[in-house]
PDB file of N, CA and C in Angstrom:
ATOM      1  N   UNK A   1     120.014  27.367  -0.122  1.00  0.00           N
ATOM      2  CA  UNK A   1     120.771  28.599  -0.210  1.00  0.00           C
ATOM      3  C   UNK A   1     119.791  29.751  -0.403  1.00  0.00           C
ATOM      4  N   UNK A   2     119.921  30.773   0.406  1.00  0.00           N
ATOM      5  CA  UNK A   2     119.054  31.946   0.330  1.00  0.00           C
ATOM      6  C   UNK A   2     119.859  33.145  -0.144  1.00  0.00           C
ATOM      7  N   UNK A   3     119.147  34.064  -0.789  1.00  0.00           N
ATOM      8  CA  UNK A   3     119.782  35.284  -1.272  1.00  0.00           C
ATOM      9  C   UNK A   3     118.778  36.420  -1.204  1.00  0.00           C
ATOM     10  N   UNK A   4     119.306  37.637  -1.054  1.00  0.00           N
ATOM     11  CA  UNK A   4     118.495  38.848  -1.116  1.00  0.00           C
ATOM     12  C   UNK A   4     119.040  39.684  -2.267  1.00  0.00           C
ATOM     13  N   UNK A   5     118.140  40.033  -3.221  1.00  0.00           N
ATOM     14  CA  UNK A   5     118.573  40.846  -4.349  1.00  0.00           C
ATOM     15  C   UNK A   5     117.586  41.992  -4.560  1.00  0.00           C
ATOM     16  N   UNK A   6     118.003  42.956  -5.389  1.00  0.00           N
ATOM     17  CA  UNK A   6     117.225  44.179  -5.619  1.00  0.00           C
ATOM     18  C   UNK A   6     116.793  44.235  -7.074  1.00  0.00           C
ATOM     19  N   UNK A   7     115.517  44.518  -7.293  1.00  0.00           N
ATOM     20  CA  UNK A   7     115.005  44.823  -8.628  1.00  0.00           C
ATOM     21  C   UNK A   7     113.754  45.680  -8.478  1.00  0.00           C
ATOM     22  N   UNK A   8     113.613  46.655  -9.334  1.00  0.00           N
ATOM     23  CA  UNK A   8     112.441  47.523  -9.304  1.00  0.00           C
ATOM     24  C   UNK A   8     112.335  48.353  -8.039  1.00  0.00           C
ATOM     25  N   UNK A   9     113.474  48.618  -7.379  1.00  0.00           N
ATOM     26  CA  UNK A   9     113.465  49.416  -6.163  1.00  0.00           C
ATOM     27  C   UNK A   9     113.019  48.657  -4.924  1.00  0.00           C
ATOM     28  N   UNK A  10     112.870  47.336  -5.035  1.00  0.00           N
ATOM     29  CA  UNK A  10     112.451  46.522  -3.898  1.00  0.00           C
ATOM     30  C   UNK A  10     113.447  45.392  -3.689  1.00  0.00           C
ATOM     31  N   UNK A  11     113.482  44.872  -2.472  1.00  0.00           N
ATOM     32  CA  UNK A  11     114.367  43.764  -2.128  1.00  0.00           C
ATOM     33  C   UNK A  11     113.546  42.487  -1.998  1.00  0.00           C
ATOM     34  N   UNK A  12     114.082  41.394  -2.522  1.00  0.00           N
ATOM     35  CA  UNK A  12     113.397  40.110  -2.487  1.00  0.00           C
ATOM     36  C   UNK A  12     114.316  39.065  -1.875  1.00  0.00           C
ATOM     37  N   UNK A  13     113.787  38.298  -0.918  1.00  0.00           N
ATOM     38  CA  UNK A  13     114.512  37.202  -0.283  1.00  0.00           C
ATOM     39  C   UNK A  13     114.027  35.914  -0.939  1.00  0.00           C
ATOM     40  N   UNK A  14     114.931  35.197  -1.606  1.00  0.00           N
ATOM     41  CA  UNK A  14     114.544  34.016  -2.374  1.00  0.00           C
ATOM     42  C   UNK A  14     115.490  32.852  -2.095  1.00  0.00           C
ATOM     43  N   UNK A  15     115.029  31.670  -2.444  1.00  0.00           N
ATOM     44  CA  UNK A  15     115.873  30.480  -2.473  1.00  0.00           C
ATOM     45  C   UNK A  15     115.602  29.783  -3.803  1.00  0.00           C
ATOM     46  N   UNK A  16     116.399  28.802  -4.149  1.00  0.00           N
ATOM     47  CA  UNK A  16     116.260  28.127  -5.436  1.00  0.00           C
ATOM     48  C   UNK A  16     114.909  27.431  -5.519  1.00  0.00           C
ATOM     49  N   UNK A  17     114.221  27.611  -6.654  1.00  0.00           N
ATOM     50  CA  UNK A  17     112.924  27.000  -6.868  1.00  0.00           C
ATOM     51  C   UNK A  17     111.745  27.883  -6.509  1.00  0.00           C
ATOM     52  N   UNK A  18     111.985  29.043  -5.921  1.00  0.00           N
ATOM     53  CA  UNK A  18     110.904  29.949  -5.546  1.00  0.00           C
ATOM     54  C   UNK A  18     110.293  30.630  -6.777  1.00  0.00           C
ATOM     55  N   UNK A  19     109.035  31.025  -6.662  1.00  0.00           N
ATOM     56  CA  UNK A  19     108.347  31.801  -7.680  1.00  0.00           C
ATOM     57  C   UNK A  19     107.952  33.134  -7.059  1.00  0.00           C
ATOM     58  N   UNK A  20     108.329  34.236  -7.719  1.00  0.00           N
ATOM     59  CA  UNK A  20     108.047  35.560  -7.183  1.00  0.00           C
ATOM     60  C   UNK A  20     107.441  36.444  -8.267  1.00  0.00           C
ATOM     61  N   UNK A  21     106.733  37.484  -7.832  1.00  0.00           N
ATOM     62  CA  UNK A  21     106.169  38.493  -8.721  1.00  0.00           C
ATOM     63  C   UNK A  21     106.929  39.793  -8.475  1.00  0.00           C
ATOM     64  N   UNK A  22     107.509  40.375  -9.538  1.00  0.00           N
ATOM     65  CA  UNK A  22     108.285  41.610  -9.428  1.00  0.00           C
ATOM     66  C   UNK A  22     107.679  42.662 -10.358  1.00  0.00           C
ATOM     67  N   UNK A  23     108.153  43.895 -10.218  1.00  0.00           N
ATOM     68  CA  UNK A  23     107.745  44.953 -11.130  1.00  0.00           C
ATOM     69  C   UNK A  23     108.071  44.527 -12.560  1.00  0.00           C
ATOM     70  N   UNK A  24     107.279  44.975 -13.519  1.00  0.00           N
ATOM     71  CA  UNK A  24     107.420  44.515 -14.894  1.00  0.00           C
ATOM     72  C   UNK A  24     108.826  44.765 -15.439  1.00  0.00           C
ATOM     73  N   UNK A  25     109.417  43.707 -15.996  1.00  0.00           N
ATOM     74  CA  UNK A  25     110.730  43.772 -16.612  1.00  0.00           C
ATOM     75  C   UNK A  25     110.586  43.608 -18.120  1.00  0.00           C
ATOM     76  N   UNK A  26     111.541  44.158 -18.863  1.00  0.00           N
ATOM     77  CA  UNK A  26     111.508  44.075 -20.317  1.00  0.00           C
ATOM     78  C   UNK A  26     112.180  42.768 -20.756  1.00  0.00           C
ATOM     79  N   UNK A  27     111.483  41.650 -20.555  1.00  0.00           N
ATOM     80  CA  UNK A  27     111.994  40.328 -20.914  1.00  0.00           C
ATOM     81  C   UNK A  27     110.815  39.464 -21.350  1.00  0.00           C
ATOM     82  N   UNK A  28     111.028  38.638 -22.367  1.00  0.00           N
ATOM     83  CA  UNK A  28     109.969  37.772 -22.866  1.00  0.00           C
ATOM     84  C   UNK A  28     109.837  36.536 -21.984  1.00  0.00           C
ATOM     85  N   UNK A  29     108.654  35.931 -22.009  1.00  0.00           N
ATOM     86  CA  UNK A  29     108.414  34.712 -21.234  1.00  0.00           C
ATOM     87  C   UNK A  29     109.299  33.589 -21.772  1.00  0.00           C
ATOM     88  N   UNK A  30     109.892  32.837 -20.859  1.00  0.00           N
ATOM     89  CA  UNK A  30     110.767  31.727 -21.230  1.00  0.00           C
ATOM     90  C   UNK A  30     112.242  32.093 -21.277  1.00  0.00           C
ATOM     91  N   UNK A  31     112.571  33.362 -21.238  1.00  0.00           N
ATOM     92  CA  UNK A  31     113.969  33.806 -21.278  1.00  0.00           C
ATOM     93  C   UNK A  31     114.556  33.867 -19.874  1.00  0.00           C
ATOM     94  N   UNK A  32     115.882  33.719 -19.792  1.00  0.00           N
ATOM     95  CA  UNK A  32     116.590  33.828 -18.512  1.00  0.00           C
ATOM     96  C   UNK A  32     117.031  35.263 -18.281  1.00  0.00           C
ATOM     97  N   UNK A  33     117.123  35.643 -17.009  1.00  0.00           N
ATOM     98  CA  UNK A  33     117.576  36.971 -16.624  1.00  0.00           C
ATOM     99  C   UNK A  33     118.464  36.827 -15.389  1.00  0.00           C
ATOM    100  N   UNK A  34     119.538  37.616 -15.337  1.00  0.00           N
ATOM    101  CA  UNK A  34     120.476  37.578 -14.210  1.00  0.00           C
ATOM    102  C   UNK A  34     120.367  38.867 -13.418  1.00  0.00           C
ATOM    103  N   UNK A  35     120.372  38.742 -12.108  1.00  0.00           N
ATOM    104  CA  UNK A  35     120.391  39.894 -11.219  1.00  0.00           C
ATOM    105  C   UNK A  35     121.731  39.895 -10.495  1.00  0.00           C
ATOM    106  N   UNK A  36     122.482  40.991 -10.633  1.00  0.00           N
ATOM    107  CA  UNK A  36     123.797  41.082 -10.011  1.00  0.00           C
ATOM    108  C   UNK A  36     123.809  41.968  -8.774  1.00  0.00           C
ATOM    109  N   UNK A  37     122.707  42.664  -8.494  1.00  0.00           N
ATOM    110  CA  UNK A  37     122.599  43.477  -7.279  1.00  0.00           C
ATOM    111  C   UNK A  37     122.181  42.582  -6.118  1.00  0.00           C
ATOM    112  N   UNK A  38     123.093  41.725  -5.683  1.00  0.00           N
ATOM    113  CA  UNK A  38     122.816  40.765  -4.614  1.00  0.00           C
ATOM    114  C   UNK A  38     123.372  41.332  -3.313  1.00  0.00           C
ATOM    115  N   UNK A  39     122.503  41.506  -2.326  1.00  0.00           N
ATOM    116  CA  UNK A  39     122.900  42.112  -1.056  1.00  0.00           C
ATOM    117  C   UNK A  39     123.407  41.086  -0.046  1.00  0.00           C
ATOM    118  N   UNK A  40     122.874  39.829  -0.134  1.00  0.00           N
ATOM    119  CA  UNK A  40     123.276  38.809   0.821  1.00  0.00           C
ATOM    120  C   UNK A  40     123.128  37.425   0.197  1.00  0.00           C
ATOM    121  N   UNK A  41     124.098  36.549   0.475  1.00  0.00           N
ATOM    122  CA  UNK A  41     124.017  35.156   0.061  1.00  0.00           C
ATOM    123  C   UNK A  41     124.426  34.302   1.251  1.00  0.00           C
ATOM    124  N   UNK A  42     123.498  33.497   1.783  1.00  0.00           N
ATOM    125  CA  UNK A  42     123.757  32.596   2.911  1.00  0.00           C
ATOM    126  C   UNK A  42     124.485  33.264   4.076  1.00  0.00           C
ATOM    127  N   UNK A  43     124.060  34.458   4.449  1.00  0.00           N
ATOM    128  CA  UNK A  43     124.640  35.142   5.593  1.00  0.00           C
ATOM    129  C   UNK A  43     125.837  36.015   5.260  1.00  0.00           C
ATOM    130  N   UNK A  44     126.399  35.903   4.059  1.00  0.00           N
ATOM    131  CA  UNK A  44     127.498  36.774   3.639  1.00  0.00           C
ATOM    132  C   UNK A  44     126.903  38.088   3.162  1.00  0.00           C
ATOM    133  N   UNK A  45     127.187  39.144   3.881  1.00  0.00           N
ATOM    134  CA  UNK A  45     126.639  40.455   3.554  1.00  0.00           C
ATOM    135  C   UNK A  45     127.692  41.260   2.811  1.00  0.00           C
ATOM    136  N   UNK A  46     127.283  41.874   1.710  1.00  0.00           N
ATOM    137  CA  UNK A  46     128.198  42.688   0.920  1.00  0.00           C
ATOM    138  C   UNK A  46     128.095  44.149   1.293  1.00  0.00           C
ATOM    139  N   UNK A  47     129.083  44.915   0.869  1.00  0.00           N
ATOM    140  CA  UNK A  47     129.067  46.356   1.110  1.00  0.00           C
ATOM    141  C   UNK A  47     129.270  47.082  -0.212  1.00  0.00           C
ATOM    142  N   UNK A  48     128.309  47.505  -0.955  1.00  0.00           N
ATOM    143  CA  UNK A  48     126.890  47.231  -0.785  1.00  0.00           C
ATOM    144  C   UNK A  48     126.454  45.893  -1.380  1.00  0.00           C
ATOM    145  N   UNK A  49     127.195  45.355  -2.371  1.00  0.00           N
ATOM    146  CA  UNK A  49     126.795  44.102  -3.011  1.00  0.00           C
ATOM    147  C   UNK A  49     127.841  43.018  -2.762  1.00  0.00           C
ATOM    148  N   UNK A  50     127.425  41.768  -2.817  1.00  0.00           N
ATOM    149  CA  UNK A  50     128.340  40.641  -2.704  1.00  0.00           C
ATOM    150  C   UNK A  50     129.012  40.472  -4.062  1.00  0.00           C
ATOM    151  N   UNK A  51     130.357  40.482  -4.076  1.00  0.00           N
ATOM    152  CA  UNK A  51     131.086  40.415  -5.335  1.00  0.00           C
ATOM    153  C   UNK A  51     130.983  39.021  -5.949  1.00  0.00           C
ATOM    154  N   UNK A  52     130.700  38.972  -7.251  1.00  0.00           N
ATOM    155  CA  UNK A  52     130.625  37.714  -7.978  1.00  0.00           C
ATOM    156  C   UNK A  52     129.335  36.941  -7.791  1.00  0.00           C
ATOM    157  N   UNK A  53     128.445  37.413  -6.946  1.00  0.00           N
ATOM    158  CA  UNK A  53     127.187  36.706  -6.707  1.00  0.00           C
ATOM    159  C   UNK A  53     126.134  37.179  -7.691  1.00  0.00           C
ATOM    160  N   UNK A  54     125.290  36.238  -8.111  1.00  0.00           N
ATOM    161  CA  UNK A  54     124.185  36.597  -8.978  1.00  0.00           C
ATOM    162  C   UNK A  54     123.050  35.601  -8.797  1.00  0.00           C
ATOM    163  N   UNK A  55     121.853  36.067  -9.102  1.00  0.00           N
ATOM    164  CA  UNK A  55     120.654  35.241  -9.029  1.00  0.00           C
ATOM    165  C   UNK A  55     120.142  35.082 -10.458  1.00  0.00           C
ATOM    166  N   UNK A  56     120.002  33.832 -10.901  1.00  0.00           N
ATOM    167  CA  UNK A  56     119.552  33.545 -12.257  1.00  0.00           C
ATOM    168  C   UNK A  56     118.096  33.084 -12.191  1.00  0.00           C
ATOM    169  N   UNK A  57     117.233  33.782 -12.941  1.00  0.00           N
ATOM    170  CA  UNK A  57     115.795  33.498 -12.934  1.00  0.00           C
ATOM    171  C   UNK A  57     115.301  33.276 -14.352  1.00  0.00           C
ATOM    172  N   UNK A  58     114.158  32.609 -14.464  1.00  0.00           N
ATOM    173  CA  UNK A  58     113.464  32.437 -15.733  1.00  0.00           C
ATOM    174  C   UNK A  58     112.144  33.192 -15.657  1.00  0.00           C
ATOM    175  N   UNK A  59     111.867  33.988 -16.687  1.00  0.00           N
ATOM    176  CA  UNK A  59     110.602  34.718 -16.747  1.00  0.00           C
ATOM    177  C   UNK A  59     109.508  33.747 -17.165  1.00  0.00           C
ATOM    178  N   UNK A  60     108.512  33.560 -16.310  1.00  0.00           N
ATOM    179  CA  UNK A  60     107.416  32.642 -16.608  1.00  0.00           C
ATOM    180  C   UNK A  60     106.365  33.347 -17.454  1.00  0.00           C
ATOM    181  N   UNK A  61     105.953  34.560 -17.030  1.00  0.00           N
ATOM    182  CA  UNK A  61     104.981  35.314 -17.811  1.00  0.00           C
ATOM    183  C   UNK A  61     104.970  36.764 -17.389  1.00  0.00           C
ATOM    184  N   UNK A  62     104.439  37.605 -18.275  1.00  0.00           N
ATOM    185  CA  UNK A  62     104.168  39.009 -17.987  1.00  0.00           C
ATOM    186  C   UNK A  62     102.658  39.173 -17.929  1.00  0.00           C
ATOM    187  N   UNK A  63     102.193  39.991 -17.018  1.00  0.00           N
ATOM    188  CA  UNK A  63     100.754  40.170 -16.906  1.00  0.00           C
ATOM    189  C   UNK A  63     100.398  41.384 -16.085  1.00  0.00           C
ATOM    190  N   UNK A  64      99.110  41.481 -15.751  1.00  0.00           N
ATOM    191  CA  UNK A  64      98.609  42.558 -14.904  1.00  0.00           C
ATOM    192  C   UNK A  64      97.888  41.936 -13.719  1.00  0.00           C
ATOM    193  N   UNK A  65      98.028  42.555 -12.554  1.00  0.00           N
ATOM    194  CA  UNK A  65      97.368  42.046 -11.359  1.00  0.00           C
ATOM    195  C   UNK A  65      95.890  42.432 -11.399  1.00  0.00           C
ATOM    196  N   UNK A  66      95.149  41.997 -10.387  1.00  0.00           N
ATOM    197  CA  UNK A  66      93.731  42.308 -10.322  1.00  0.00           C
ATOM    198  C   UNK A  66      93.527  43.811 -10.174  1.00  0.00           C
ATOM    199  N   UNK A  67      92.385  44.260 -10.652  1.00  0.00           N
ATOM    200  CA  UNK A  67      92.070  45.686 -10.601  1.00  0.00           C
ATOM    201  C   UNK A  67      91.747  46.116  -9.172  1.00  0.00           C
ATOM    202  N   UNK A  68      92.315  47.254  -8.776  1.00  0.00           N
ATOM    203  CA  UNK A  68      91.937  47.863  -7.508  1.00  0.00           C
ATOM    204  C   UNK A  68      91.156  49.127  -7.822  1.00  0.00           C
ATOM    205  N   UNK A  69      90.216  49.452  -6.976  1.00  0.00           N
ATOM    206  CA  UNK A  69      89.373  50.629  -7.176  1.00  0.00           C
ATOM    207  C   UNK A  69      89.841  51.718  -6.223  1.00  0.00           C
ATOM    208  N   UNK A  70      90.108  52.887  -6.779  1.00  0.00           N
ATOM    209  CA  UNK A  70      90.497  54.054  -5.994  1.00  0.00           C
ATOM    210  C   UNK A  70      89.298  54.994  -5.991  1.00  0.00           C
ATOM    211  N   UNK A  71      88.736  55.252  -4.823  1.00  0.00           N
ATOM    212  CA  UNK A  71      87.546  56.096  -4.707  1.00  0.00           C
ATOM    213  C   UNK A  71      87.867  57.279  -3.810  1.00  0.00           C
ATOM    214  N   UNK A  72      87.713  58.474  -4.365  1.00  0.00           N
ATOM    215  CA  UNK A  72      87.967  59.698  -3.617  1.00  0.00           C
ATOM    216  C   UNK A  72      86.666  60.470  -3.483  1.00  0.00           C
ATOM    217  N   UNK A  73      86.477  61.104  -2.333  1.00  0.00           N
ATOM    218  CA  UNK A  73      85.300  61.950  -2.168  1.00  0.00           C
ATOM    219  C   UNK A  73      85.554  62.983  -1.078  1.00  0.00           C
ATOM    220  N   UNK A  74      84.801  64.069  -1.193  1.00  0.00           N
ATOM    221  CA  UNK A  74      84.789  65.095  -0.160  1.00  0.00           C
ATOM    222  C   UNK A  74      83.375  65.127   0.395  1.00  0.00           C
ATOM    223  N   UNK A  75      83.216  64.857   1.660  1.00  0.00           N
ATOM    224  CA  UNK A  75      81.856  64.822   2.198  1.00  0.00           C
ATOM    225  C   UNK A  75      81.179  66.188   2.116  1.00  0.00           C
ATOM    226  N   UNK A  76      79.897  66.173   1.800  1.00  0.00           N
ATOM    227  CA  UNK A  76      79.031  67.348   1.736  1.00  0.00           C
ATOM    228  C   UNK A  76      79.394  68.321   0.614  1.00  0.00           C
ATOM    229  N   UNK A  77      80.235  67.929  -0.322  1.00  0.00           N
ATOM    230  CA  UNK A  77      80.660  68.832  -1.395  1.00  0.00           C
ATOM    231  C   UNK A  77      80.295  68.307  -2.786  1.00  0.00           C
ATOM    232  N   UNK A  78      79.618  67.170  -2.884  1.00  0.00           N
ATOM    233  CA  UNK A  78      79.235  66.551  -4.155  1.00  0.00           C
ATOM    234  C   UNK A  78      80.450  66.245  -5.031  1.00  0.00           C
ATOM    235  N   UNK A  79      81.562  65.878  -4.416  1.00  0.00           N
ATOM    236  CA  UNK A  79      82.759  65.489  -5.158  1.00  0.00           C
ATOM    237  C   UNK A  79      82.971  63.999  -4.997  1.00  0.00           C
ATOM    238  N   UNK A  80      82.901  63.275  -6.105  1.00  0.00           N
ATOM    239  CA  UNK A  80      83.158  61.842  -6.108  1.00  0.00           C
ATOM    240  C   UNK A  80      83.971  61.502  -7.347  1.00  0.00           C
ATOM    241  N   UNK A  81      85.000  60.696  -7.146  1.00  0.00           N
ATOM    242  CA  UNK A  81      85.852  60.314  -8.265  1.00  0.00           C
ATOM    243  C   UNK A  81      86.231  58.848  -8.101  1.00  0.00           C
ATOM    244  N   UNK A  82      85.972  58.044  -9.108  1.00  0.00           N
ATOM    245  CA  UNK A  82      86.311  56.629  -9.092  1.00  0.00           C
ATOM    246  C   UNK A  82      87.364  56.380 -10.155  1.00  0.00           C
ATOM    247  N   UNK A  83      88.368  55.616  -9.777  1.00  0.00           N
ATOM    248  CA  UNK A  83      89.474  55.342 -10.667  1.00  0.00           C
ATOM    249  C   UNK A  83      89.895  53.897 -10.455  1.00  0.00           C
ATOM    250  N   UNK A  84      90.377  53.247 -11.499  1.00  0.00           N
ATOM    251  CA  UNK A  84      90.860  51.876 -11.381  1.00  0.00           C
ATOM    252  C   UNK A  84      92.334  51.797 -11.749  1.00  0.00           C
ATOM    253  N   UNK A  85      93.001  50.756 -11.249  1.00  0.00           N
ATOM    254  CA  UNK A  85      94.425  50.581 -11.546  1.00  0.00           C
ATOM    255  C   UNK A  85      94.762  49.102 -11.583  1.00  0.00           C
ATOM    256  N   UNK A  86      95.528  48.694 -12.600  1.00  0.00           N
ATOM    257  CA  UNK A  86      96.037  47.329 -12.692  1.00  0.00           C
ATOM    258  C   UNK A  86      97.554  47.411 -12.837  1.00  0.00           C
ATOM    259  N   UNK A  87      98.271  46.894 -11.844  1.00  0.00           N
ATOM    260  CA  UNK A  87      99.727  46.984 -11.822  1.00  0.00           C
ATOM    261  C   UNK A  87     100.333  45.884 -12.705  1.00  0.00           C
ATOM    262  N   UNK A  88     101.196  46.239 -13.665  1.00  0.00           N
ATOM    263  CA  UNK A  88     101.863  45.206 -14.461  1.00  0.00           C
ATOM    264  C   UNK A  88     102.955  44.508 -13.644  1.00  0.00           C
ATOM    265  N   UNK A  89     103.158  43.223 -13.928  1.00  0.00           N
ATOM    266  CA  UNK A  89     104.156  42.440 -13.192  1.00  0.00           C
ATOM    267  C   UNK A  89     104.836  41.443 -14.122  1.00  0.00           C
ATOM    268  N   UNK A  90     105.935  40.882 -13.645  1.00  0.00           N
ATOM    269  CA  UNK A  90     106.610  39.768 -14.293  1.00  0.00           C
ATOM    270  C   UNK A  90     106.744  38.657 -13.266  1.00  0.00           C
ATOM    271  N   UNK A  91     106.318  37.468 -13.620  1.00  0.00           N
ATOM    272  CA  UNK A  91     106.413  36.309 -12.739  1.00  0.00           C
ATOM    273  C   UNK A  91     107.733  35.609 -13.034  1.00  0.00           C
ATOM    274  N   UNK A  92     108.568  35.458 -11.994  1.00  0.00           N
ATOM    275  CA  UNK A  92     109.893  34.855 -12.140  1.00  0.00           C
ATOM    276  C   UNK A  92     110.002  33.569 -11.338  1.00  0.00           C
ATOM    277  N   UNK A  93     110.766  32.624 -11.870  1.00  0.00           N
ATOM    278  CA  UNK A  93     111.093  31.406 -11.146  1.00  0.00           C
ATOM    279  C   UNK A  93     112.602  31.375 -10.966  1.00  0.00           C
ATOM    280  N   UNK A  94     113.056  31.250  -9.717  1.00  0.00           N
ATOM    281  CA  UNK A  94     114.494  31.275  -9.411  1.00  0.00           C
ATOM    282  C   UNK A  94     115.086  29.931  -9.766  1.00  0.00           C
ATOM    283  N   UNK A  95     116.060  29.933 -10.699  1.00  0.00           N
ATOM    284  CA  UNK A  95     116.704  28.692 -11.116  1.00  0.00           C
ATOM    285  C   UNK A  95     117.948  28.390 -10.287  1.00  0.00           C
ATOM    286  N   UNK A  96     118.789  29.412 -10.117  1.00  0.00           N
ATOM    287  CA  UNK A  96     120.104  29.155  -9.518  1.00  0.00           C
ATOM    288  C   UNK A  96     120.605  30.397  -8.804  1.00  0.00           C
ATOM    289  N   UNK A  97     121.288  30.178  -7.698  1.00  0.00           N
ATOM    290  CA  UNK A  97     121.948  31.263  -6.962  1.00  0.00           C
ATOM    291  C   UNK A  97     123.447  30.966  -6.997  1.00  0.00           C
ATOM    292  N   UNK A  98     124.190  31.864  -7.651  1.00  0.00           N
ATOM    293  CA  UNK A  98     125.637  31.691  -7.781  1.00  0.00           C
ATOM    294  C   UNK A  98     126.317  32.498  -6.694  1.00  0.00           C
ATOM    295  N   UNK A  99     127.184  31.844  -5.933  1.00  0.00           N
ATOM    296  CA  UNK A  99     127.868  32.491  -4.808  1.00  0.00           C
ATOM    297  C   UNK A  99     129.112  33.222  -5.251  1.00  0.00           C
TER     298      UNK A  99
END
């Protein structure tokens, strides 16, 4: 069974047993979380959401992704700026998709 749901302003296509990384959620590791903004379940498309459908996930861990380096410069102007960024995330494991 496949489902598409929304969290953090992004859409995720998942099936039971999948592991996904989403924008950081305010949930502790080991706790369950339900998503009710389900756009599609097994080909049934909602307008805008499928009524009564939900995706139940378990939070595996919270963390930060690898550092990316942002380097800005203006040629011939002696302007150089280096910046780093680590995006926080929550790792989720999909337990159940309720139709």
